[in-house]
Amino acid sequence: MIYGDAIPFDKLIERIRELNERFRNIEQ
């Protein structure tokens, strides 16, 4: 891989989705 120790993009997207779900739950 070119990025080496960089965070995989897939995991980054998963983390963002998790945070979005948590914020939605808080709003409700």
PDB file of N, CA and C in Angstrom:
ATOM      1  N   MET A   1       0.827  -1.217   0.000  1.00  0.00           N
ATOM      2  CA  MET A   1       0.000   0.000   0.000  1.00  0.00           C
ATOM      3  C   MET A   1       0.862   1.267   0.000  1.00  0.00           C
ATOM      4  N   ILE A   2       0.374   2.291  -0.608  1.00  0.00           N
ATOM      5  CA  ILE A   2       1.142   3.539  -0.708  1.00  0.00           C
ATOM      6  C   ILE A   2       1.143   4.277   0.626  1.00  0.00           C
ATOM      7  N   TYR A   3       0.000   4.284   1.295  1.00  0.00           N
ATOM      8  CA  TYR A   3      -0.134   5.128   2.490  1.00  0.00           C
ATOM      9  C   TYR A   3       0.536   4.528   3.724  1.00  0.00           C
ATOM     10  N   GLY A   4       0.846   3.239   3.683  1.00  0.00           N
ATOM     11  CA  GLY A   4       1.525   2.627   4.825  1.00  0.00           C
ATOM     12  C   GLY A   4       0.652   2.595   6.060  1.00  0.00           C
ATOM     13  N   ASP A   5       1.007   3.367   7.086  1.00  0.00           N
ATOM     14  CA  ASP A   5       0.295   3.333   8.368  1.00  0.00           C
ATOM     15  C   ASP A   5      -0.948   4.212   8.375  1.00  0.00           C
ATOM     16  N   ALA A   6      -1.247   4.862   7.256  1.00  0.00           N
ATOM     17  CA  ALA A   6      -2.424   5.741   7.225  1.00  0.00           C
ATOM     18  C   ALA A   6      -3.691   4.928   7.457  1.00  0.00           C
ATOM     19  N   ILE A   7      -4.719   5.583   7.976  1.00  0.00           N
ATOM     20  CA  ILE A   7      -5.987   4.903   8.258  1.00  0.00           C
ATOM     21  C   ILE A   7      -6.670   4.523   6.943  1.00  0.00           C
ATOM     22  N   PRO A   8      -7.104   3.272   6.808  1.00  0.00           N
ATOM     23  CA  PRO A   8      -7.822   2.854   5.599  1.00  0.00           C
ATOM     24  C   PRO A   8      -9.075   3.693   5.413  1.00  0.00           C
ATOM     25  N   PHE A   9      -9.346   4.082   4.174  1.00  0.00           N
ATOM     26  CA  PHE A   9     -10.485   4.967   3.894  1.00  0.00           C
ATOM     27  C   PHE A   9     -11.793   4.313   4.319  1.00  0.00           C
ATOM     28  N   ASP A  10     -11.908   2.988   4.110  1.00  0.00           N
ATOM     29  CA  ASP A  10     -13.146   2.280   4.466  1.00  0.00           C
ATOM     30  C   ASP A  10     -13.444   2.447   5.949  1.00  0.00           C
ATOM     31  N   LYS A  11     -12.421   2.276   6.779  1.00  0.00           N
ATOM     32  CA  LYS A  11     -12.651   2.379   8.230  1.00  0.00           C
ATOM     33  C   LYS A  11     -13.006   3.814   8.591  1.00  0.00           C
ATOM     34  N   LEU A  12     -12.413   4.775   7.887  1.00  0.00           N
ATOM     35  CA  LEU A  12     -12.711   6.184   8.154  1.00  0.00           C
ATOM     36  C   LEU A  12     -14.191   6.447   7.888  1.00  0.00           C
ATOM     37  N   ILE A  13     -14.702   5.923   6.770  1.00  0.00           N
ATOM     38  CA  ILE A  13     -16.120   6.112   6.430  1.00  0.00           C
ATOM     39  C   ILE A  13     -16.993   5.442   7.485  1.00  0.00           C
ATOM     40  N   GLU A  14     -16.605   4.236   7.907  1.00  0.00           N
ATOM     41  CA  GLU A  14     -17.392   3.533   8.938  1.00  0.00           C
ATOM     42  C   GLU A  14     -17.471   4.383  10.196  1.00  0.00           C
ATOM     43  N   ARG A  15     -16.359   4.977  10.608  1.00  0.00           N
ATOM     44  CA  ARG A  15     -16.322   5.792  11.824  1.00  0.00           C
ATOM     45  C   ARG A  15     -17.256   6.983  11.688  1.00  0.00           C
ATOM     46  N   ILE A  16     -17.249   7.625  10.518  1.00  0.00           N
ATOM     47  CA  ILE A  16     -18.130   8.787  10.285  1.00  0.00           C
ATOM     48  C   ILE A  16     -19.589   8.356  10.373  1.00  0.00           C
ATOM     49  N   ARG A  17     -19.921   7.203   9.788  1.00  0.00           N
ATOM     50  CA  ARG A  17     -21.311   6.725   9.836  1.00  0.00           C
ATOM     51  C   ARG A  17     -21.727   6.481  11.281  1.00  0.00           C
ATOM     52  N   GLU A  18     -20.847   5.891  12.071  1.00  0.00           N
ATOM     53  CA  GLU A  18     -21.172   5.632  13.484  1.00  0.00           C
ATOM     54  C   GLU A  18     -21.461   6.941  14.204  1.00  0.00           C
ATOM     55  N   LEU A  19     -20.600   7.944  13.989  1.00  0.00           N
ATOM     56  CA  LEU A  19     -20.799   9.235  14.655  1.00  0.00           C
ATOM     57  C   LEU A  19     -22.119   9.853  14.215  1.00  0.00           C
ATOM     58  N   ASN A  20     -22.445   9.767  12.939  1.00  0.00           N
ATOM     59  CA  ASN A  20     -23.704  10.328  12.438  1.00  0.00           C
ATOM     60  C   ASN A  20     -24.889   9.667  13.121  1.00  0.00           C
ATOM     61  N   GLU A  21     -24.855   8.338  13.265  1.00  0.00           N
ATOM     62  CA  GLU A  21     -25.961   7.624  13.918  1.00  0.00           C
ATOM     63  C   GLU A  21     -26.097   8.074  15.366  1.00  0.00           C
ATOM     64  N   ARG A  22     -24.984   8.247  16.055  1.00  0.00           N
ATOM     65  CA  ARG A  22     -25.031   8.674  17.464  1.00  0.00           C
ATOM     66  C   ARG A  22     -25.647  10.056  17.569  1.00  0.00           C
ATOM     67  N   PHE A  23     -25.280  10.964  16.692  1.00  0.00           N
ATOM     68  CA  PHE A  23     -25.828  12.327  16.743  1.00  0.00           C
ATOM     69  C   PHE A  23     -27.326  12.287  16.492  1.00  0.00           C
ATOM     70  N   ARG A  24     -27.773  11.434  15.559  1.00  0.00           N
ATOM     71  CA  ARG A  24     -29.204  11.330  15.273  1.00  0.00           C
ATOM     72  C   ARG A  24     -29.939  10.857  16.515  1.00  0.00           C
ATOM     73  N   ASN A  25     -29.378   9.877  17.193  1.00  0.00           N
ATOM     74  CA  ASN A  25     -30.020   9.349  18.402  1.00  0.00           C
ATOM     75  C   ASN A  25     -30.115  10.432  19.466  1.00  0.00           C
ATOM     76  N   ILE A  26     -29.084  11.250  19.589  1.00  0.00           N
ATOM     77  CA  ILE A  26     -29.087  12.319  20.597  1.00  0.00           C
ATOM     78  C   ILE A  26     -30.164  13.348  20.250  1.00  0.00           C
ATOM     79  N   GLU A  27     -30.277  13.679  18.954  1.00  0.00           N
ATOM     80  CA  GLU A  27     -31.275  14.674  18.541  1.00  0.00           C
ATOM     81  C   GLU A  27     -32.678  14.180  18.863  1.00  0.00           C
ATOM     82  N   GLN A  28     -32.924  12.893  18.653  1.00  0.00           N
ATOM     83  CA  GLN A  28     -34.262  12.351  18.920  1.00  0.00           C
ATOM     84  C   GLN A  28     -34.460  12.256  20.419  1.00  0.00           C
TER      85      GLN A  28
END
